[in-house]
C-alpha cells in the first residue's frame, strides 16, 4: 500500500467509515437504464461489440439505454458498421464479480470490448496491486471468451469530484482512484490488445445524475463519443496495416 494512502487510512479511518455509512444511507439508489441489452443496428462491415461492467455501464443516471453509453456508442458506430452489440453490466459489480460473471458466459466472439470497472473496487478498499492483478485476469478471460478483441479499459472516474461524497472521504477516494488509473495505464501500455479510454467527462455537478455519484446523460454521451472515436481509429489503423501495398510503378525503358 502507498505510504500516503496507508497514513490517511490509519489517521482518518473512523471518520471515513462514518462518512461512508452516511453516504450509503442518504444516497438514493437509482435504477439501471431501461431498454434492450443486446441487438444489432446499422449497415456495413460487421462489428461485434461487448460492453462490460458496473452501474455506469448499465446506464444508471439515464432513463433509457438510448441515452446511456451503450445506446450512444451503438448509434455512432452504426454509421459505418453493422453493430452486433451486447451489454453485460450490473449495479454494484466489482472486478471480482465481473470475473465470476464471465465464467458463466458462453464463448462468443467480439471485435471490441468496452470495460467500466473500478469505482466499487475503490469504495471496497481494494489494494491497488490486487485490483491490477484482477484487471489482468479479466483481460485474459476476455481474450479466451471473445477471441482476440481490442479491449478498451475506461479509467476510474474522478471520484474526487463526486458531489455525493463529503470531505475528507471525497479526497481519500479520489486519490485512490488516481492510483488505480496510474497502475492500470502503465500495465495496459505493455499489452498489444489493451488500451486505456480516458474520456473528457463534464465535471459540472449539474451534469451528473441526481444522486451525485453517477454520470448524467451528458457524461454518457461524451464517454460514448470517446469510445466510438477510439474504436474507429483502431479499426482504421488495423485495416491500413493489413492492406497490401500498391504495386510499384513500372520503370521507364
C-alpha atoms as a PDB file:
ATOM      1  CA  UNK A   1       0.000   0.000   0.000  1.00  0.00           C
ATOM      2  CA  UNK A   2       1.199   3.535  -0.823  1.00  0.00           C
ATOM      3  CA  UNK A   3       2.601   5.181   2.323  1.00  0.00           C
ATOM      4  CA  UNK A   4       0.417   8.271   1.987  1.00  0.00           C
ATOM      5  CA  UNK A   5      -2.667   6.093   1.475  1.00  0.00           C
ATOM      6  CA  UNK A   6      -1.759   3.966   4.483  1.00  0.00           C
ATOM      7  CA  UNK A   7      -1.230   7.047   6.656  1.00  0.00           C
ATOM      8  CA  UNK A   8      -4.563   8.529   5.547  1.00  0.00           C
ATOM      9  CA  UNK A   9      -6.333   5.220   6.192  1.00  0.00           C
ATOM     10  CA  UNK A  10      -4.948   4.930   9.709  1.00  0.00           C
ATOM     11  CA  UNK A  11      -5.394   8.597  10.607  1.00  0.00           C
ATOM     12  CA  UNK A  12      -8.829   9.156   9.097  1.00  0.00           C
ATOM     13  CA  UNK A  13     -10.211   5.619   9.401  1.00  0.00           C
ATOM     14  CA  UNK A  14     -13.044   6.299  11.887  1.00  0.00           C
ATOM     15  CA  UNK A  15     -14.151   9.457  10.051  1.00  0.00           C
ATOM     16  CA  UNK A  16     -14.049   7.751   6.651  1.00  0.00           C
ATOM     17  CA  UNK A  17     -16.059   4.809   7.955  1.00  0.00           C
ATOM     18  CA  UNK A  18     -18.703   7.100   9.443  1.00  0.00           C
ATOM     19  CA  UNK A  19     -18.932   9.199   6.289  1.00  0.00           C
ATOM     20  CA  UNK A  20     -19.150   6.105   4.081  1.00  0.00           C
ATOM     21  CA  UNK A  21     -22.081   4.794   6.079  1.00  0.00           C
ATOM     22  CA  UNK A  22     -23.777   8.170   5.846  1.00  0.00           C
ATOM     23  CA  UNK A  23     -23.351   8.309   2.073  1.00  0.00           C
ATOM     24  CA  UNK A  24     -24.828   4.834   1.633  1.00  0.00           C
ATOM     25  CA  UNK A  25     -27.769   5.731   3.860  1.00  0.00           C
ATOM     26  CA  UNK A  26     -28.763   9.034   2.258  1.00  0.00           C
ATOM     27  CA  UNK A  27     -27.796   8.498  -1.403  1.00  0.00           C
ATOM     28  CA  UNK A  28     -30.822   7.420  -3.479  1.00  0.00           C
ATOM     29  CA  UNK A  29     -30.403   4.132  -5.321  1.00  0.00           C
ATOM     30  CA  UNK A  30     -31.121   4.941  -8.951  1.00  0.00           C
ATOM     31  CA  UNK A  31     -32.339   2.210 -11.304  1.00  0.00           C
ATOM     32  CA  UNK A  32     -30.405   0.902 -14.263  1.00  0.00           C
ATOM     33  CA  UNK A  33     -31.489   2.329 -17.611  1.00  0.00           C
ATOM     34  CA  UNK A  34     -34.443   0.585 -19.217  1.00  0.00           C
ATOM     35  CA  UNK A  35     -34.163  -0.941 -22.658  1.00  0.00           C
ATOM     36  CA  UNK A  36     -32.652  -3.882 -24.518  1.00  0.00           C
ATOM     37  CA  UNK A  37     -29.275  -5.343 -23.579  1.00  0.00           C
ATOM     38  CA  UNK A  38     -28.441  -6.861 -26.986  1.00  0.00           C
ATOM     39  CA  UNK A  39     -29.234  -6.344 -30.632  1.00  0.00           C
ATOM     40  CA  UNK A  40     -27.887  -5.242 -33.982  1.00  0.00           C
ATOM     41  CA  UNK A  41     -28.006  -1.969 -35.869  1.00  0.00           C
ATOM     42  CA  UNK A  42     -26.545  -0.255 -38.927  1.00  0.00           C
ATOM     43  CA  UNK A  43     -25.129  -1.266 -42.279  1.00  0.00           C
ATOM     44  CA  UNK A  44     -21.646  -2.050 -43.461  1.00  0.00           C
ATOM     45  CA  UNK A  45     -18.893  -4.361 -42.200  1.00  0.00           C
ATOM     46  CA  UNK A  46     -19.815  -6.356 -39.110  1.00  0.00           C
ATOM     47  CA  UNK A  47     -18.558  -5.105 -35.764  1.00  0.00           C
ATOM     48  CA  UNK A  48     -19.223  -7.257 -32.696  1.00  0.00           C
ATOM     49  CA  UNK A  49     -19.287  -5.095 -29.554  1.00  0.00           C
ATOM     50  CA  UNK A  50     -19.335  -6.114 -25.891  1.00  0.00           C
ATOM     51  CA  UNK A  51     -19.871  -3.554 -23.113  1.00  0.00           C
ATOM     52  CA  UNK A  52     -18.996  -4.870 -19.684  1.00  0.00           C
ATOM     53  CA  UNK A  53     -19.013  -3.545 -16.160  1.00  0.00           C
ATOM     54  CA  UNK A  54     -20.761  -1.773 -13.334  1.00  0.00           C
ATOM     55  CA  UNK A  55     -23.653   0.639 -12.792  1.00  0.00           C
ATOM     56  CA  UNK A  56     -22.222   3.289 -15.113  1.00  0.00           C
ATOM     57  CA  UNK A  57     -22.060   0.779 -17.966  1.00  0.00           C
ATOM     58  CA  UNK A  58     -25.581  -0.375 -17.035  1.00  0.00           C
ATOM     59  CA  UNK A  59     -26.814   3.151 -17.674  1.00  0.00           C
ATOM     60  CA  UNK A  60     -27.521   4.349 -14.153  1.00  0.00           C
ATOM     61  CA  UNK A  61     -28.108   8.084 -14.434  1.00  0.00           C
ATOM     62  CA  UNK A  62     -30.173   7.726 -17.610  1.00  0.00           C
ATOM     63  CA  UNK A  63     -33.792   6.709 -18.049  1.00  0.00           C
ATOM     64  CA  UNK A  64     -33.195   4.557 -21.132  1.00  0.00           C
ATOM     65  CA  UNK A  65     -30.277   2.765 -22.763  1.00  0.00           C
ATOM     66  CA  UNK A  66     -30.688   5.047 -25.779  1.00  0.00           C
ATOM     67  CA  UNK A  67     -29.356   7.900 -23.614  1.00  0.00           C
ATOM     68  CA  UNK A  68     -26.660   5.829 -21.890  1.00  0.00           C
ATOM     69  CA  UNK A  69     -23.160   4.997 -23.088  1.00  0.00           C
ATOM     70  CA  UNK A  70     -24.357   1.799 -24.787  1.00  0.00           C
ATOM     71  CA  UNK A  71     -27.044   3.482 -26.883  1.00  0.00           C
ATOM     72  CA  UNK A  72     -24.869   6.418 -27.921  1.00  0.00           C
ATOM     73  CA  UNK A  73     -21.938   4.157 -28.799  1.00  0.00           C
ATOM     74  CA  UNK A  74     -24.025   1.751 -30.894  1.00  0.00           C
ATOM     75  CA  UNK A  75     -25.625   4.616 -32.838  1.00  0.00           C
ATOM     76  CA  UNK A  76     -22.288   6.231 -33.615  1.00  0.00           C
ATOM     77  CA  UNK A  77     -20.626   3.008 -34.709  1.00  0.00           C
ATOM     78  CA  UNK A  78     -23.692   2.065 -36.773  1.00  0.00           C
ATOM     79  CA  UNK A  79     -22.911   4.943 -39.139  1.00  0.00           C
ATOM     80  CA  UNK A  80     -20.090   2.809 -40.538  1.00  0.00           C
ATOM     81  CA  UNK A  81     -20.809  -0.756 -39.412  1.00  0.00           C
ATOM     82  CA  UNK A  82     -23.447  -3.354 -38.756  1.00  0.00           C
ATOM     83  CA  UNK A  83     -23.033  -3.409 -34.981  1.00  0.00           C
ATOM     84  CA  UNK A  84     -23.890  -6.621 -33.142  1.00  0.00           C
ATOM     85  CA  UNK A  85     -23.861  -5.487 -29.534  1.00  0.00           C
ATOM     86  CA  UNK A  86     -24.291  -6.955 -26.087  1.00  0.00           C
ATOM     87  CA  UNK A  87     -24.362  -5.277 -22.661  1.00  0.00           C
ATOM     88  CA  UNK A  88     -23.216  -7.268 -19.615  1.00  0.00           C
ATOM     89  CA  UNK A  89     -23.316  -4.835 -16.709  1.00  0.00           C
ATOM     90  CA  UNK A  90     -24.908  -4.584 -13.279  1.00  0.00           C
ATOM     91  CA  UNK A  91     -25.025  -2.118 -10.415  1.00  0.00           C
ATOM     92  CA  UNK A  92     -22.502  -2.844  -7.675  1.00  0.00           C
ATOM     93  CA  UNK A  93     -20.233  -5.118  -9.676  1.00  0.00           C
ATOM     94  CA  UNK A  94     -16.578  -5.177  -8.743  1.00  0.00           C
ATOM     95  CA  UNK A  95     -13.839  -6.607 -10.922  1.00  0.00           C
ATOM     96  CA  UNK A  96     -14.038  -9.864  -8.930  1.00  0.00           C
ATOM     97  CA  UNK A  97     -17.814 -10.010  -9.506  1.00  0.00           C
ATOM     98  CA  UNK A  98     -17.297  -9.475 -13.228  1.00  0.00           C
ATOM     99  CA  UNK A  99     -14.704 -12.237 -13.367  1.00  0.00           C
ATOM    100  CA  UNK A 100     -17.231 -14.621 -11.818  1.00  0.00           C
ATOM    101  CA  UNK A 101     -19.903 -13.477 -14.267  1.00  0.00           C
ATOM    102  CA  UNK A 102     -17.642 -14.024 -17.270  1.00  0.00           C
ATOM    103  CA  UNK A 103     -17.060 -17.616 -16.210  1.00  0.00           C
ATOM    104  CA  UNK A 104     -20.792 -18.246 -16.617  1.00  0.00           C
ATOM    105  CA  UNK A 105     -20.984 -16.866 -20.160  1.00  0.00           C
ATOM    106  CA  UNK A 106     -20.629 -18.933 -23.329  1.00  0.00           C
ATOM    107  CA  UNK A 107     -17.772 -18.206 -25.687  1.00  0.00           C
ATOM    108  CA  UNK A 108     -18.890 -15.534 -28.133  1.00  0.00           C
ATOM    109  CA  UNK A 109     -16.530 -13.638 -30.439  1.00  0.00           C
ATOM    110  CA  UNK A 110     -16.182  -9.855 -30.151  1.00  0.00           C
ATOM    111  CA  UNK A 111     -14.180  -7.320 -32.109  1.00  0.00           C
ATOM    112  CA  UNK A 112     -14.207  -4.583 -29.465  1.00  0.00           C
ATOM    113  CA  UNK A 113     -14.817  -4.673 -25.719  1.00  0.00           C
ATOM    114  CA  UNK A 114     -15.516  -1.608 -23.576  1.00  0.00           C
ATOM    115  CA  UNK A 115     -14.986  -2.122 -19.840  1.00  0.00           C
ATOM    116  CA  UNK A 116     -16.171   0.099 -16.977  1.00  0.00           C
ATOM    117  CA  UNK A 117     -14.946  -1.082 -13.576  1.00  0.00           C
ATOM    118  CA  UNK A 118     -13.171   0.327 -10.547  1.00  0.00           C
ATOM    119  CA  UNK A 119     -15.482   2.581  -8.546  1.00  0.00           C
ATOM    120  CA  UNK A 120     -16.840  -0.296  -6.460  1.00  0.00           C
ATOM    121  CA  UNK A 121     -13.311  -1.647  -6.007  1.00  0.00           C
ATOM    122  CA  UNK A 122     -12.185   1.745  -4.694  1.00  0.00           C
ATOM    123  CA  UNK A 123     -15.090   2.007  -2.253  1.00  0.00           C
ATOM    124  CA  UNK A 124     -14.437  -1.576  -1.102  1.00  0.00           C
ATOM    125  CA  UNK A 125     -10.900  -0.580  -0.090  1.00  0.00           C
ATOM    126  CA  UNK A 126      -9.166  -2.927  -2.519  1.00  0.00           C
ATOM    127  CA  UNK A 127      -5.381  -2.718  -2.644  1.00  0.00           C
ATOM    128  CA  UNK A 128      -4.046  -1.286  -5.903  1.00  0.00           C
ATOM    129  CA  UNK A 129      -1.908  -4.354  -6.614  1.00  0.00           C
ATOM    130  CA  UNK A 130      -4.820  -6.712  -6.012  1.00  0.00           C
ATOM    131  CA  UNK A 131      -7.055  -4.699  -8.327  1.00  0.00           C
ATOM    132  CA  UNK A 132      -4.429  -4.597 -11.049  1.00  0.00           C
ATOM    133  CA  UNK A 133      -3.991  -8.383 -10.844  1.00  0.00           C
ATOM    134  CA  UNK A 134      -7.764  -8.805 -11.172  1.00  0.00           C
ATOM    135  CA  UNK A 135      -7.830  -6.483 -14.182  1.00  0.00           C
ATOM    136  CA  UNK A 136      -5.083  -8.552 -15.830  1.00  0.00           C
ATOM    137  CA  UNK A 137      -7.086 -11.717 -15.140  1.00  0.00           C
ATOM    138  CA  UNK A 138     -10.158 -10.048 -16.612  1.00  0.00           C
ATOM    139  CA  UNK A 139      -8.300  -9.259 -19.816  1.00  0.00           C
ATOM    140  CA  UNK A 140      -7.112 -12.858 -20.018  1.00  0.00           C
ATOM    141  CA  UNK A 141     -10.677 -14.111 -19.636  1.00  0.00           C
ATOM    142  CA  UNK A 142     -11.904 -11.731 -22.319  1.00  0.00           C
ATOM    143  CA  UNK A 143      -9.261 -12.980 -24.725  1.00  0.00           C
ATOM    144  CA  UNK A 144     -10.365 -16.563 -24.117  1.00  0.00           C
ATOM    145  CA  UNK A 145     -14.086 -15.753 -24.224  1.00  0.00           C
ATOM    146  CA  UNK A 146     -14.165 -13.338 -27.147  1.00  0.00           C
ATOM    147  CA  UNK A 147     -11.244 -14.398 -29.315  1.00  0.00           C
ATOM    148  CA  UNK A 148      -8.756 -11.631 -29.966  1.00  0.00           C
ATOM    149  CA  UNK A 149     -10.672  -8.358 -29.488  1.00  0.00           C
ATOM    150  CA  UNK A 150      -9.399  -4.878 -28.896  1.00  0.00           C
ATOM    151  CA  UNK A 151     -10.103  -4.206 -25.221  1.00  0.00           C
ATOM    152  CA  UNK A 152     -10.761  -0.662 -24.000  1.00  0.00           C
ATOM    153  CA  UNK A 153     -10.463  -0.145 -20.229  1.00  0.00           C
ATOM    154  CA  UNK A 154     -12.241   3.010 -19.107  1.00  0.00           C
ATOM    155  CA  UNK A 155     -10.382   4.844 -16.353  1.00  0.00           C
ATOM    156  CA  UNK A 156     -11.926   5.036 -12.908  1.00  0.00           C
ATOM    157  CA  UNK A 157     -13.857   8.329 -12.955  1.00  0.00           C
ATOM    158  CA  UNK A 158     -12.632  11.330 -10.935  1.00  0.00           C
ATOM    159  CA  UNK A 159     -14.203  10.379  -7.611  1.00  0.00           C
ATOM    160  CA  UNK A 160     -12.619  13.430  -6.026  1.00  0.00           C
ATOM    161  CA  UNK A 161     -15.281  15.457  -7.851  1.00  0.00           C
ATOM    162  CA  UNK A 162     -18.349  13.404  -6.879  1.00  0.00           C
ATOM    163  CA  UNK A 163     -20.719  15.835  -5.122  1.00  0.00           C
ATOM    164  CA  UNK A 164     -22.356  12.999  -3.142  1.00  0.00           C
ATOM    165  CA  UNK A 165     -19.097  12.452  -1.232  1.00  0.00           C
ATOM    166  CA  UNK A 166     -18.195  14.717   1.706  1.00  0.00           C
ATOM    167  CA  UNK A 167     -14.651  15.665   2.592  1.00  0.00           C
ATOM    168  CA  UNK A 168     -12.309  14.072   3.601  1.00  0.00           C
ATOM    169  CA  UNK A 169     -13.905  10.932   2.094  1.00  0.00           C
ATOM    170  CA  UNK A 170     -14.070  12.565  -1.339  1.00  0.00           C
ATOM    171  CA  UNK A 171     -10.362  13.372  -1.403  1.00  0.00           C
ATOM    172  CA  UNK A 172      -9.417   9.965   0.004  1.00  0.00           C
ATOM    173  CA  UNK A 173     -11.372   8.011  -2.616  1.00  0.00           C
ATOM    174  CA  UNK A 174     -10.286  10.391  -5.361  1.00  0.00           C
ATOM    175  CA  UNK A 175      -6.631   9.786  -4.537  1.00  0.00           C
ATOM    176  CA  UNK A 176      -7.114   6.023  -4.609  1.00  0.00           C
ATOM    177  CA  UNK A 177      -8.927   6.240  -7.950  1.00  0.00           C
ATOM    178  CA  UNK A 178      -5.906   8.101  -9.356  1.00  0.00           C
ATOM    179  CA  UNK A 179      -3.576   5.380  -8.055  1.00  0.00           C
ATOM    180  CA  UNK A 180      -5.700   2.737  -9.759  1.00  0.00           C
ATOM    181  CA  UNK A 181      -5.562   4.663 -13.023  1.00  0.00           C
ATOM    182  CA  UNK A 182      -1.813   5.189 -12.877  1.00  0.00           C
ATOM    183  CA  UNK A 183      -1.173   1.493 -12.302  1.00  0.00           C
ATOM    184  CA  UNK A 184      -3.689   0.423 -14.966  1.00  0.00           C
ATOM    185  CA  UNK A 185      -2.267   2.798 -17.570  1.00  0.00           C
ATOM    186  CA  UNK A 186       1.278   1.535 -17.022  1.00  0.00           C
ATOM    187  CA  UNK A 187       0.173  -2.087 -17.322  1.00  0.00           C
ATOM    188  CA  UNK A 188      -2.023  -1.511 -20.375  1.00  0.00           C
ATOM    189  CA  UNK A 189       0.972   0.011 -22.134  1.00  0.00           C
ATOM    190  CA  UNK A 190       2.622  -3.429 -22.102  1.00  0.00           C
ATOM    191  CA  UNK A 191      -0.360  -5.175 -23.735  1.00  0.00           C
ATOM    192  CA  UNK A 192      -0.780  -5.050 -27.528  1.00  0.00           C
ATOM    193  CA  UNK A 193      -4.564  -5.512 -27.461  1.00  0.00           C
ATOM    194  CA  UNK A 194      -5.407  -3.307 -24.465  1.00  0.00           C
ATOM    195  CA  UNK A 195      -5.886   0.450 -24.457  1.00  0.00           C
ATOM    196  CA  UNK A 196      -6.971   2.989 -21.875  1.00  0.00           C
ATOM    197  CA  UNK A 197     -10.032   5.122 -22.530  1.00  0.00           C
ATOM    198  CA  UNK A 198      -9.879   8.419 -20.646  1.00  0.00           C
ATOM    199  CA  UNK A 199     -12.851  10.473 -21.839  1.00  0.00           C
ATOM    200  CA  UNK A 200     -13.077  14.165 -21.050  1.00  0.00           C
ATOM    201  CA  UNK A 201     -16.202  13.942 -18.926  1.00  0.00           C
ATOM    202  CA  UNK A 202     -18.008  17.116 -17.836  1.00  0.00           C
ATOM    203  CA  UNK A 203     -17.370  17.591 -14.113  1.00  0.00           C
ATOM    204  CA  UNK A 204     -20.057  20.195 -13.528  1.00  0.00           C
ATOM    205  CA  UNK A 205     -22.168  18.767 -10.666  1.00  0.00           C
ATOM    206  CA  UNK A 206     -25.329  19.805 -12.518  1.00  0.00           C
ATOM    207  CA  UNK A 207     -24.404  17.405 -15.336  1.00  0.00           C
ATOM    208  CA  UNK A 208     -24.234  14.391 -13.039  1.00  0.00           C
ATOM    209  CA  UNK A 209     -27.117  12.128 -12.102  1.00  0.00           C
ATOM    210  CA  UNK A 210     -29.445  13.207  -9.324  1.00  0.00           C
ATOM    211  CA  UNK A 211     -27.614  11.009  -6.813  1.00  0.00           C
ATOM    212  CA  UNK A 212     -24.388  12.999  -7.237  1.00  0.00           C
ATOM    213  CA  UNK A 213     -22.500   9.759  -7.778  1.00  0.00           C
ATOM    214  CA  UNK A 214     -23.222   8.586 -11.334  1.00  0.00           C
ATOM    215  CA  UNK A 215     -22.716  10.257 -14.708  1.00  0.00           C
ATOM    216  CA  UNK A 216     -25.674  12.056 -16.188  1.00  0.00           C
ATOM    217  CA  UNK A 217     -26.744  11.851 -19.837  1.00  0.00           C
ATOM    218  CA  UNK A 218     -24.174  14.470 -20.967  1.00  0.00           C
ATOM    219  CA  UNK A 219     -21.338  12.455 -19.443  1.00  0.00           C
ATOM    220  CA  UNK A 220     -22.647   9.234 -21.001  1.00  0.00           C
ATOM    221  CA  UNK A 221     -22.699  10.965 -24.392  1.00  0.00           C
ATOM    222  CA  UNK A 222     -19.110  12.243 -24.019  1.00  0.00           C
ATOM    223  CA  UNK A 223     -17.931   8.809 -22.877  1.00  0.00           C
ATOM    224  CA  UNK A 224     -19.567   7.127 -25.878  1.00  0.00           C
ATOM    225  CA  UNK A 225     -18.058   9.661 -28.287  1.00  0.00           C
ATOM    226  CA  UNK A 226     -14.562   8.987 -26.935  1.00  0.00           C
ATOM    227  CA  UNK A 227     -15.126   5.228 -27.224  1.00  0.00           C
ATOM    228  CA  UNK A 228     -16.504   5.467 -30.762  1.00  0.00           C
ATOM    229  CA  UNK A 229     -13.568   7.617 -31.895  1.00  0.00           C
ATOM    230  CA  UNK A 230     -11.072   5.203 -30.352  1.00  0.00           C
ATOM    231  CA  UNK A 231     -12.698   2.083 -31.818  1.00  0.00           C
ATOM    232  CA  UNK A 232     -12.973   3.651 -35.267  1.00  0.00           C
ATOM    233  CA  UNK A 233      -9.356   4.808 -35.202  1.00  0.00           C
ATOM    234  CA  UNK A 234      -8.192   1.366 -34.091  1.00  0.00           C
ATOM    235  CA  UNK A 235     -10.102  -0.392 -36.873  1.00  0.00           C
ATOM    236  CA  UNK A 236      -8.870   2.071 -39.495  1.00  0.00           C
ATOM    237  CA  UNK A 237      -5.290   1.562 -38.318  1.00  0.00           C
ATOM    238  CA  UNK A 238      -5.678  -2.235 -38.479  1.00  0.00           C
ATOM    239  CA  UNK A 239      -7.150  -2.084 -41.980  1.00  0.00           C
ATOM    240  CA  UNK A 240      -4.348   0.198 -43.171  1.00  0.00           C
ATOM    241  CA  UNK A 241      -1.726  -2.137 -41.715  1.00  0.00           C
ATOM    242  CA  UNK A 242      -3.277  -5.194 -43.359  1.00  0.00           C
ATOM    243  CA  UNK A 243      -3.916  -3.535 -46.716  1.00  0.00           C
ATOM    244  CA  UNK A 244      -1.402  -4.718 -49.345  1.00  0.00           C
ATOM    245  CA  UNK A 245       0.956  -2.084 -50.655  1.00  0.00           C
ATOM    246  CA  UNK A 246       0.176  -0.811 -54.153  1.00  0.00           C
ATOM    247  CA  UNK A 247       2.405  -2.149 -56.913  1.00  0.00           C
ATOM    248  CA  UNK A 248       5.488  -0.111 -57.680  1.00  0.00           C
ATOM    249  CA  UNK A 249       5.282   1.919 -60.900  1.00  0.00           C
ATOM    250  CA  UNK A 250       6.979   0.353 -63.860  1.00  0.00           C
ATOM    251  CA  UNK A 251      10.386   1.826 -64.523  1.00  0.00           C
ATOM    252  CA  UNK A 252      10.921   3.703 -67.749  1.00  0.00           C
ATOM    253  CA  UNK A 253      12.580   1.692 -70.536  1.00  0.00           C
END
